[in-house]
Amino acid sequence: MRELSFTELDSERTELLPTRETLTFGNYNWANIVASNSSMALNAASLYAVANSAAAQTIVVTQG
Protein backbone atom coordinates (compact mmCIF):
# COMPACT_ATOMS: atom_id res chain seq x y z
CA MET A 1 0.00 0.00 0.00
CA ARG A 2 1.14 3.49 -0.71
CA GLU A 3 0.04 6.72 0.89
CA LEU A 4 -2.27 9.09 -0.97
CA SER A 5 -1.50 12.76 -1.29
CA PHE A 6 -4.03 15.50 -0.57
CA THR A 7 -4.11 16.28 -4.29
CA GLU A 8 -5.12 12.70 -5.10
CA LEU A 9 -7.78 12.73 -2.38
CA ASP A 10 -9.19 16.04 -3.64
CA SER A 11 -9.51 14.62 -7.16
CA GLU A 12 -11.72 11.72 -5.97
CA ARG A 13 -15.43 11.98 -6.80
CA THR A 14 -18.46 10.07 -5.59
CA GLU A 15 -21.80 9.43 -7.22
CA LEU A 16 -25.01 8.50 -5.44
CA LEU A 17 -26.91 5.49 -6.65
CA PRO A 18 -30.55 6.00 -7.69
CA THR A 19 -33.06 5.33 -4.93
CA ARG A 20 -35.21 2.25 -5.02
CA GLU A 21 -37.78 0.67 -2.77
CA THR A 22 -36.75 -2.51 -0.97
CA LEU A 23 -38.72 -5.33 0.58
CA THR A 24 -41.86 -4.53 -1.38
CA PHE A 25 -43.97 -6.91 -3.42
CA GLY A 26 -44.55 -4.49 -6.30
CA ASN A 27 -41.13 -4.92 -7.93
CA TYR A 28 -40.16 -8.47 -6.85
CA ASN A 29 -37.46 -7.17 -4.51
CA TRP A 30 -38.37 -8.90 -1.27
CA ALA A 31 -37.05 -11.39 1.26
CA ASN A 32 -39.03 -13.95 3.24
CA ILE A 33 -37.36 -15.19 6.45
CA VAL A 34 -38.70 -18.00 8.62
CA ALA A 35 -36.89 -19.08 11.79
CA SER A 36 -37.72 -21.90 14.18
CA ASN A 37 -36.07 -22.95 17.45
CA SER A 38 -37.12 -26.02 19.41
CA SER A 39 -35.76 -28.06 22.29
CA MET A 40 -36.92 -31.09 24.25
CA ALA A 41 -35.59 -32.51 27.52
CA LEU A 42 -36.49 -35.66 29.45
CA ASN A 43 -35.61 -36.55 33.02
CA ALA A 44 -37.05 -39.71 34.55
CA ALA A 45 -36.74 -38.22 38.09
CA SER A 46 -35.44 -41.41 39.59
CA LEU A 47 -32.26 -42.27 41.47
CA TYR A 48 -29.22 -41.84 39.20
CA ALA A 49 -31.40 -40.33 36.47
CA VAL A 50 -29.70 -38.59 33.55
CA ALA A 51 -31.32 -35.73 31.67
CA ASN A 52 -30.85 -35.67 27.92
CA SER A 53 -31.72 -32.75 25.71
CA ALA A 54 -31.77 -32.20 21.98
CA ALA A 55 -32.10 -28.81 20.26
CA ALA A 56 -32.62 -27.85 16.65
CA GLN A 57 -32.60 -24.55 14.80
CA THR A 58 -33.78 -23.88 11.25
CA ILE A 59 -33.55 -20.64 9.28
CA VAL A 60 -34.92 -20.40 5.74
CA VAL A 61 -34.39 -17.27 3.61
CA THR A 62 -36.14 -16.86 0.26
CA GLN A 63 -35.42 -13.80 -1.85
CA GLY A 64 -37.21 -12.79 -5.00
PDB file of N, CA and C in Angstrom:
ATOM      1  N   MET A   1       0.832  -1.179   0.000  1.00  0.00           N
ATOM      2  CA  MET A   1       0.000   0.000   0.000  1.00  0.00           C
ATOM      3  C   MET A   1       0.874   1.239   0.000  1.00  0.00           C
ATOM      4  N   ARG A   2       0.404   2.237  -0.718  1.00  0.00           N
ATOM      5  CA  ARG A   2       1.137   3.494  -0.709  1.00  0.00           C
ATOM      6  C   ARG A   2       0.225   4.583  -0.173  1.00  0.00           C
ATOM      7  N   GLU A   3       0.818   5.619   0.341  1.00  0.00           N
ATOM      8  CA  GLU A   3       0.040   6.716   0.886  1.00  0.00           C
ATOM      9  C   GLU A   3      -0.484   7.605  -0.230  1.00  0.00           C
ATOM     10  N   LEU A   4      -1.674   8.170  -0.009  1.00  0.00           N
ATOM     11  CA  LEU A   4      -2.267   9.092  -0.968  1.00  0.00           C
ATOM     12  C   LEU A   4      -1.947  10.519  -0.565  1.00  0.00           C
ATOM     13  N   SER A   5      -1.740  11.338  -1.572  1.00  0.00           N
ATOM     14  CA  SER A   5      -1.495  12.755  -1.287  1.00  0.00           C
ATOM     15  C   SER A   5      -2.833  13.481  -1.192  1.00  0.00           C
ATOM     16  N   PHE A   6      -2.815  14.698  -0.652  1.00  0.00           N
ATOM     17  CA  PHE A   6      -4.033  15.499  -0.570  1.00  0.00           C
ATOM     18  C   PHE A   6      -4.564  15.837  -1.961  1.00  0.00           C
ATOM     19  N   THR A   7      -3.686  15.993  -2.921  1.00  0.00           N
ATOM     20  CA  THR A   7      -4.113  16.280  -4.287  1.00  0.00           C
ATOM     21  C   THR A   7      -4.903  15.104  -4.862  1.00  0.00           C
ATOM     22  N   GLU A   8      -4.418  13.889  -4.622  1.00  0.00           N
ATOM     23  CA  GLU A   8      -5.120  12.704  -5.104  1.00  0.00           C
ATOM     24  C   GLU A   8      -6.479  12.556  -4.405  1.00  0.00           C
ATOM     25  N   LEU A   9      -6.517  12.826  -3.108  1.00  0.00           N
ATOM     26  CA  LEU A   9      -7.780  12.734  -2.381  1.00  0.00           C
ATOM     27  C   LEU A   9      -8.778  13.782  -2.860  1.00  0.00           C
ATOM     28  N   ASP A  10      -8.312  14.986  -3.149  1.00  0.00           N
ATOM     29  CA  ASP A  10      -9.193  16.043  -3.635  1.00  0.00           C
ATOM     30  C   ASP A  10      -9.758  15.734  -5.018  1.00  0.00           C
ATOM     31  N   SER A  11      -9.046  14.936  -5.810  1.00  0.00           N
ATOM     32  CA  SER A  11      -9.514  14.624  -7.159  1.00  0.00           C
ATOM     33  C   SER A  11     -10.547  13.495  -7.169  1.00  0.00           C
ATOM     34  N   GLU A  12     -10.737  12.802  -6.045  1.00  0.00           N
ATOM     35  CA  GLU A  12     -11.715  11.717  -5.975  1.00  0.00           C
ATOM     36  C   GLU A  12     -13.135  12.275  -6.008  1.00  0.00           C
ATOM     37  N   ARG A  13     -14.044  11.568  -6.695  1.00  0.00           N
ATOM     38  CA  ARG A  13     -15.432  11.978  -6.797  1.00  0.00           C
ATOM     39  C   ARG A  13     -16.324  10.793  -6.446  1.00  0.00           C
ATOM     40  N   THR A  14     -17.484  11.111  -5.911  1.00  0.00           N
ATOM     41  CA  THR A  14     -18.463  10.069  -5.595  1.00  0.00           C
ATOM     42  C   THR A  14     -19.746  10.344  -6.354  1.00  0.00           C
ATOM     43  N   GLU A  15     -20.522   9.305  -6.535  1.00  0.00           N
ATOM     44  CA  GLU A  15     -21.803   9.431  -7.219  1.00  0.00           C
ATOM     45  C   GLU A  15     -22.825   8.615  -6.446  1.00  0.00           C
ATOM     46  N   LEU A  16     -23.960   9.207  -6.145  1.00  0.00           N
ATOM     47  CA  LEU A  16     -25.014   8.504  -5.436  1.00  0.00           C
ATOM     48  C   LEU A  16     -25.762   7.587  -6.379  1.00  0.00           C
ATOM     49  N   LEU A  17     -26.118   6.426  -5.873  1.00  0.00           N
ATOM     50  CA  LEU A  17     -26.913   5.490  -6.655  1.00  0.00           C
ATOM     51  C   LEU A  17     -28.362   5.947  -6.651  1.00  0.00           C
ATOM     52  N   PRO A  18     -29.129   5.619  -7.678  1.00  0.00           N
ATOM     53  CA  PRO A  18     -30.548   6.003  -7.689  1.00  0.00           C
ATOM     54  C   PRO A  18     -31.294   5.280  -6.565  1.00  0.00           C
ATOM     55  N   THR A  19     -32.298   5.951  -6.008  1.00  0.00           N
ATOM     56  CA  THR A  19     -33.060   5.334  -4.925  1.00  0.00           C
ATOM     57  C   THR A  19     -33.975   4.261  -5.476  1.00  0.00           C
ATOM     58  N   ARG A  20     -34.252   3.278  -4.654  1.00  0.00           N
ATOM     59  CA  ARG A  20     -35.214   2.246  -5.022  1.00  0.00           C
ATOM     60  C   ARG A  20     -35.855   1.702  -3.754  1.00  0.00           C
ATOM     61  N   GLU A  21     -37.055   1.236  -3.896  1.00  0.00           N
ATOM     62  CA  GLU A  21     -37.780   0.672  -2.766  1.00  0.00           C
ATOM     63  C   GLU A  21     -37.298  -0.763  -2.547  1.00  0.00           C
ATOM     64  N   THR A  22     -37.162  -1.147  -1.286  1.00  0.00           N
ATOM     65  CA  THR A  22     -36.751  -2.514  -0.974  1.00  0.00           C
ATOM     66  C   THR A  22     -37.822  -3.194  -0.134  1.00  0.00           C
ATOM     67  N   LEU A  23     -37.787  -4.492  -0.162  1.00  0.00           N
ATOM     68  CA  LEU A  23     -38.718  -5.332   0.579  1.00  0.00           C
ATOM     69  C   LEU A  23     -40.178  -4.995   0.285  1.00  0.00           C
ATOM     70  N   THR A  24     -40.485  -4.753  -0.965  1.00  0.00           N
ATOM     71  CA  THR A  24     -41.863  -4.534  -1.383  1.00  0.00           C
ATOM     72  C   THR A  24     -42.239  -5.619  -2.377  1.00  0.00           C
ATOM     73  N   PHE A  25     -43.524  -5.867  -2.518  1.00  0.00           N
ATOM     74  CA  PHE A  25     -43.972  -6.909  -3.422  1.00  0.00           C
ATOM     75  C   PHE A  25     -44.224  -6.384  -4.825  1.00  0.00           C
ATOM     76  N   GLY A  26     -44.240  -5.063  -4.999  1.00  0.00           N
ATOM     77  CA  GLY A  26     -44.550  -4.494  -6.295  1.00  0.00           C
ATOM     78  C   GLY A  26     -43.464  -4.704  -7.335  1.00  0.00           C
ATOM     79  N   ASN A  27     -42.201  -4.790  -6.941  1.00  0.00           N
ATOM     80  CA  ASN A  27     -41.131  -4.918  -7.929  1.00  0.00           C
ATOM     81  C   ASN A  27     -40.283  -6.181  -7.724  1.00  0.00           C
ATOM     82  N   TYR A  28     -40.822  -7.181  -7.065  1.00  0.00           N
ATOM     83  CA  TYR A  28     -40.164  -8.468  -6.852  1.00  0.00           C
ATOM     84  C   TYR A  28     -38.868  -8.380  -6.064  1.00  0.00           C
ATOM     85  N   ASN A  29     -38.671  -7.299  -5.329  1.00  0.00           N
ATOM     86  CA  ASN A  29     -37.460  -7.166  -4.513  1.00  0.00           C
ATOM     87  C   ASN A  29     -37.850  -7.358  -3.053  1.00  0.00           C
ATOM     88  N   TRP A  30     -37.920  -8.609  -2.616  1.00  0.00           N
ATOM     89  CA  TRP A  30     -38.369  -8.898  -1.272  1.00  0.00           C
ATOM     90  C   TRP A  30     -37.593 -10.084  -0.716  1.00  0.00           C
ATOM     91  N   ALA A  31     -37.669 -10.250   0.594  1.00  0.00           N
ATOM     92  CA  ALA A  31     -37.046 -11.391   1.256  1.00  0.00           C
ATOM     93  C   ALA A  31     -38.021 -11.961   2.276  1.00  0.00           C
ATOM     94  N   ASN A  32     -38.169 -13.256   2.292  1.00  0.00           N
ATOM     95  CA  ASN A  32     -39.027 -13.949   3.242  1.00  0.00           C
ATOM     96  C   ASN A  32     -38.135 -14.757   4.168  1.00  0.00           C
ATOM     97  N   ILE A  33     -38.216 -14.506   5.479  1.00  0.00           N
ATOM     98  CA  ILE A  33     -37.360 -15.189   6.448  1.00  0.00           C
ATOM     99  C   ILE A  33     -38.237 -15.911   7.459  1.00  0.00           C
ATOM    100  N   VAL A  34     -37.979 -17.191   7.649  1.00  0.00           N
ATOM    101  CA  VAL A  34     -38.704 -18.003   8.618  1.00  0.00           C
ATOM    102  C   VAL A  34     -37.668 -18.656   9.520  1.00  0.00           C
ATOM    103  N   ALA A  35     -37.825 -18.484  10.834  1.00  0.00           N
ATOM    104  CA  ALA A  35     -36.888 -19.080  11.787  1.00  0.00           C
ATOM    105  C   ALA A  35     -37.655 -19.910  12.803  1.00  0.00           C
ATOM    106  N   SER A  36     -37.076 -21.021  13.217  1.00  0.00           N
ATOM    107  CA  SER A  36     -37.721 -21.901  14.181  1.00  0.00           C
ATOM    108  C   SER A  36     -36.661 -22.455  15.131  1.00  0.00           C
ATOM    109  N   ASN A  37     -36.941 -22.364  16.426  1.00  0.00           N
ATOM    110  CA  ASN A  37     -36.073 -22.955  17.448  1.00  0.00           C
ATOM    111  C   ASN A  37     -36.909 -23.906  18.288  1.00  0.00           C
ATOM    112  N   SER A  38     -36.388 -25.074  18.573  1.00  0.00           N
ATOM    113  CA  SER A  38     -37.119 -26.021  19.409  1.00  0.00           C
ATOM    114  C   SER A  38     -36.135 -26.837  20.237  1.00  0.00           C
ATOM    115  N   SER A  39     -36.593 -27.251  21.413  1.00  0.00           N
ATOM    116  CA  SER A  39     -35.760 -28.064  22.293  1.00  0.00           C
ATOM    117  C   SER A  39     -36.662 -28.973  23.115  1.00  0.00           C
ATOM    118  N   MET A  40     -36.163 -30.153  23.438  1.00  0.00           N
ATOM    119  CA  MET A  40     -36.923 -31.086  24.254  1.00  0.00           C
ATOM    120  C   MET A  40     -35.973 -31.748  25.238  1.00  0.00           C
ATOM    121  N   ALA A  41     -36.399 -31.860  26.494  1.00  0.00           N
ATOM    122  CA  ALA A  41     -35.586 -32.513  27.520  1.00  0.00           C
ATOM    123  C   ALA A  41     -36.431 -33.536  28.247  1.00  0.00           C
ATOM    124  N   LEU A  42     -35.790 -34.605  28.720  1.00  0.00           N
ATOM    125  CA  LEU A  42     -36.490 -35.661  29.446  1.00  0.00           C
ATOM    126  C   LEU A  42     -35.644 -36.067  30.635  1.00  0.00           C
ATOM    127  N   ASN A  43     -36.267 -36.087  31.806  1.00  0.00           N
ATOM    128  CA  ASN A  43     -35.606 -36.552  33.017  1.00  0.00           C
ATOM    129  C   ASN A  43     -36.575 -37.482  33.723  1.00  0.00           C
ATOM    130  N   ALA A  44     -36.155 -38.707  33.967  1.00  0.00           N
ATOM    131  CA  ALA A  44     -37.046 -39.714  34.552  1.00  0.00           C
ATOM    132  C   ALA A  44     -37.272 -39.484  36.043  1.00  0.00           C
ATOM    133  N   ALA A  45     -36.559 -38.568  36.674  1.00  0.00           N
ATOM    134  CA  ALA A  45     -36.743 -38.218  38.093  1.00  0.00           C
ATOM    135  C   ALA A  45     -36.605 -39.416  39.020  1.00  0.00           C
ATOM    136  N   SER A  46     -35.709 -40.283  38.714  1.00  0.00           N
ATOM    137  CA  SER A  46     -35.445 -41.411  39.589  1.00  0.00           C
ATOM    138  C   SER A  46     -33.989 -41.364  40.022  1.00  0.00           C
ATOM    139  N   LEU A  47     -33.625 -42.218  40.958  1.00  0.00           N
ATOM    140  CA  LEU A  47     -32.259 -42.266  41.469  1.00  0.00           C
ATOM    141  C   LEU A  47     -31.286 -42.537  40.322  1.00  0.00           C
ATOM    142  N   TYR A  48     -30.239 -41.743  40.252  1.00  0.00           N
ATOM    143  CA  TYR A  48     -29.222 -41.838  39.200  1.00  0.00           C
ATOM    144  C   TYR A  48     -29.784 -41.511  37.802  1.00  0.00           C
ATOM    145  N   ALA A  49     -30.806 -40.699  37.752  1.00  0.00           N
ATOM    146  CA  ALA A  49     -31.395 -40.334  36.470  1.00  0.00           C
ATOM    147  C   ALA A  49     -30.466 -39.381  35.715  1.00  0.00           C
ATOM    148  N   VAL A  50     -30.501 -39.451  34.419  1.00  0.00           N
ATOM    149  CA  VAL A  50     -29.705 -38.590  33.554  1.00  0.00           C
ATOM    150  C   VAL A  50     -30.661 -37.835  32.636  1.00  0.00           C
ATOM    151  N   ALA A  51     -30.472 -36.529  32.559  1.00  0.00           N
ATOM    152  CA  ALA A  51     -31.318 -35.729  31.671  1.00  0.00           C
ATOM    153  C   ALA A  51     -30.632 -35.576  30.326  1.00  0.00           C
ATOM    154  N   ASN A  52     -31.350 -35.844  29.279  1.00  0.00           N
ATOM    155  CA  ASN A  52     -30.852 -35.670  27.923  1.00  0.00           C
ATOM    156  C   ASN A  52     -31.670 -34.587  27.240  1.00  0.00           C
ATOM    157  N   SER A  53     -31.019 -33.810  26.419  1.00  0.00           N
ATOM    158  CA  SER A  53     -31.717 -32.747  25.707  1.00  0.00           C
ATOM    159  C   SER A  53     -31.217 -32.686  24.273  1.00  0.00           C
ATOM    160  N   ALA A  54     -32.130 -32.380  23.385  1.00  0.00           N
ATOM    161  CA  ALA A  54     -31.773 -32.196  21.985  1.00  0.00           C
ATOM    162  C   ALA A  54     -32.371 -30.870  21.526  1.00  0.00           C
ATOM    163  N   ALA A  55     -31.624 -30.116  20.761  1.00  0.00           N
ATOM    164  CA  ALA A  55     -32.099 -28.811  20.264  1.00  0.00           C
ATOM    165  C   ALA A  55     -31.857 -28.743  18.769  1.00  0.00           C
ATOM    166  N   ALA A  56     -32.747 -28.030  18.095  1.00  0.00           N
ATOM    167  CA  ALA A  56     -32.624 -27.849  16.652  1.00  0.00           C
ATOM    168  C   ALA A  56     -32.978 -26.422  16.289  1.00  0.00           C
ATOM    169  N   GLN A  57     -32.319 -25.895  15.278  1.00  0.00           N
ATOM    170  CA  GLN A  57     -32.598 -24.553  14.797  1.00  0.00           C
ATOM    171  C   GLN A  57     -32.636 -24.597  13.274  1.00  0.00           C
ATOM    172  N   THR A  58     -33.640 -23.939  12.699  1.00  0.00           N
ATOM    173  CA  THR A  58     -33.781 -23.881  11.247  1.00  0.00           C
ATOM    174  C   THR A  58     -34.062 -22.454  10.839  1.00  0.00           C
ATOM    175  N   ILE A  59     -33.323 -21.963   9.837  1.00  0.00           N
ATOM    176  CA  ILE A  59     -33.551 -20.635   9.279  1.00  0.00           C
ATOM    177  C   ILE A  59     -33.618 -20.784   7.758  1.00  0.00           C
ATOM    178  N   VAL A  60     -34.720 -20.322   7.179  1.00  0.00           N
ATOM    179  CA  VAL A  60     -34.920 -20.396   5.743  1.00  0.00           C
ATOM    180  C   VAL A  60     -35.097 -18.983   5.208  1.00  0.00           C
ATOM    181  N   VAL A  61     -34.295 -18.604   4.213  1.00  0.00           N
ATOM    182  CA  VAL A  61     -34.389 -17.272   3.606  1.00  0.00           C
ATOM    183  C   VAL A  61     -34.691 -17.462   2.123  1.00  0.00           C
ATOM    184  N   THR A  62     -35.767 -16.828   1.664  1.00  0.00           N
ATOM    185  CA  THR A  62     -36.144 -16.865   0.257  1.00  0.00           C
ATOM    186  C   THR A  62     -36.166 -15.428  -0.242  1.00  0.00           C
ATOM    187  N   GLN A  63     -35.468 -15.160  -1.316  1.00  0.00           N
ATOM    188  CA  GLN A  63     -35.420 -13.804  -1.848  1.00  0.00           C
ATOM    189  C   GLN A  63     -35.871 -13.822  -3.293  1.00  0.00           C
ATOM    190  N   GLY A  64     -36.699 -12.839  -3.631  1.00  0.00           N
ATOM    191  CA  GLY A  64     -37.211 -12.791  -4.995  1.00  0.00           C
ATOM    192  C   GLY A  64     -36.844 -11.513  -5.671  1.00  0.00           C
TER     193      GLY A  64
END
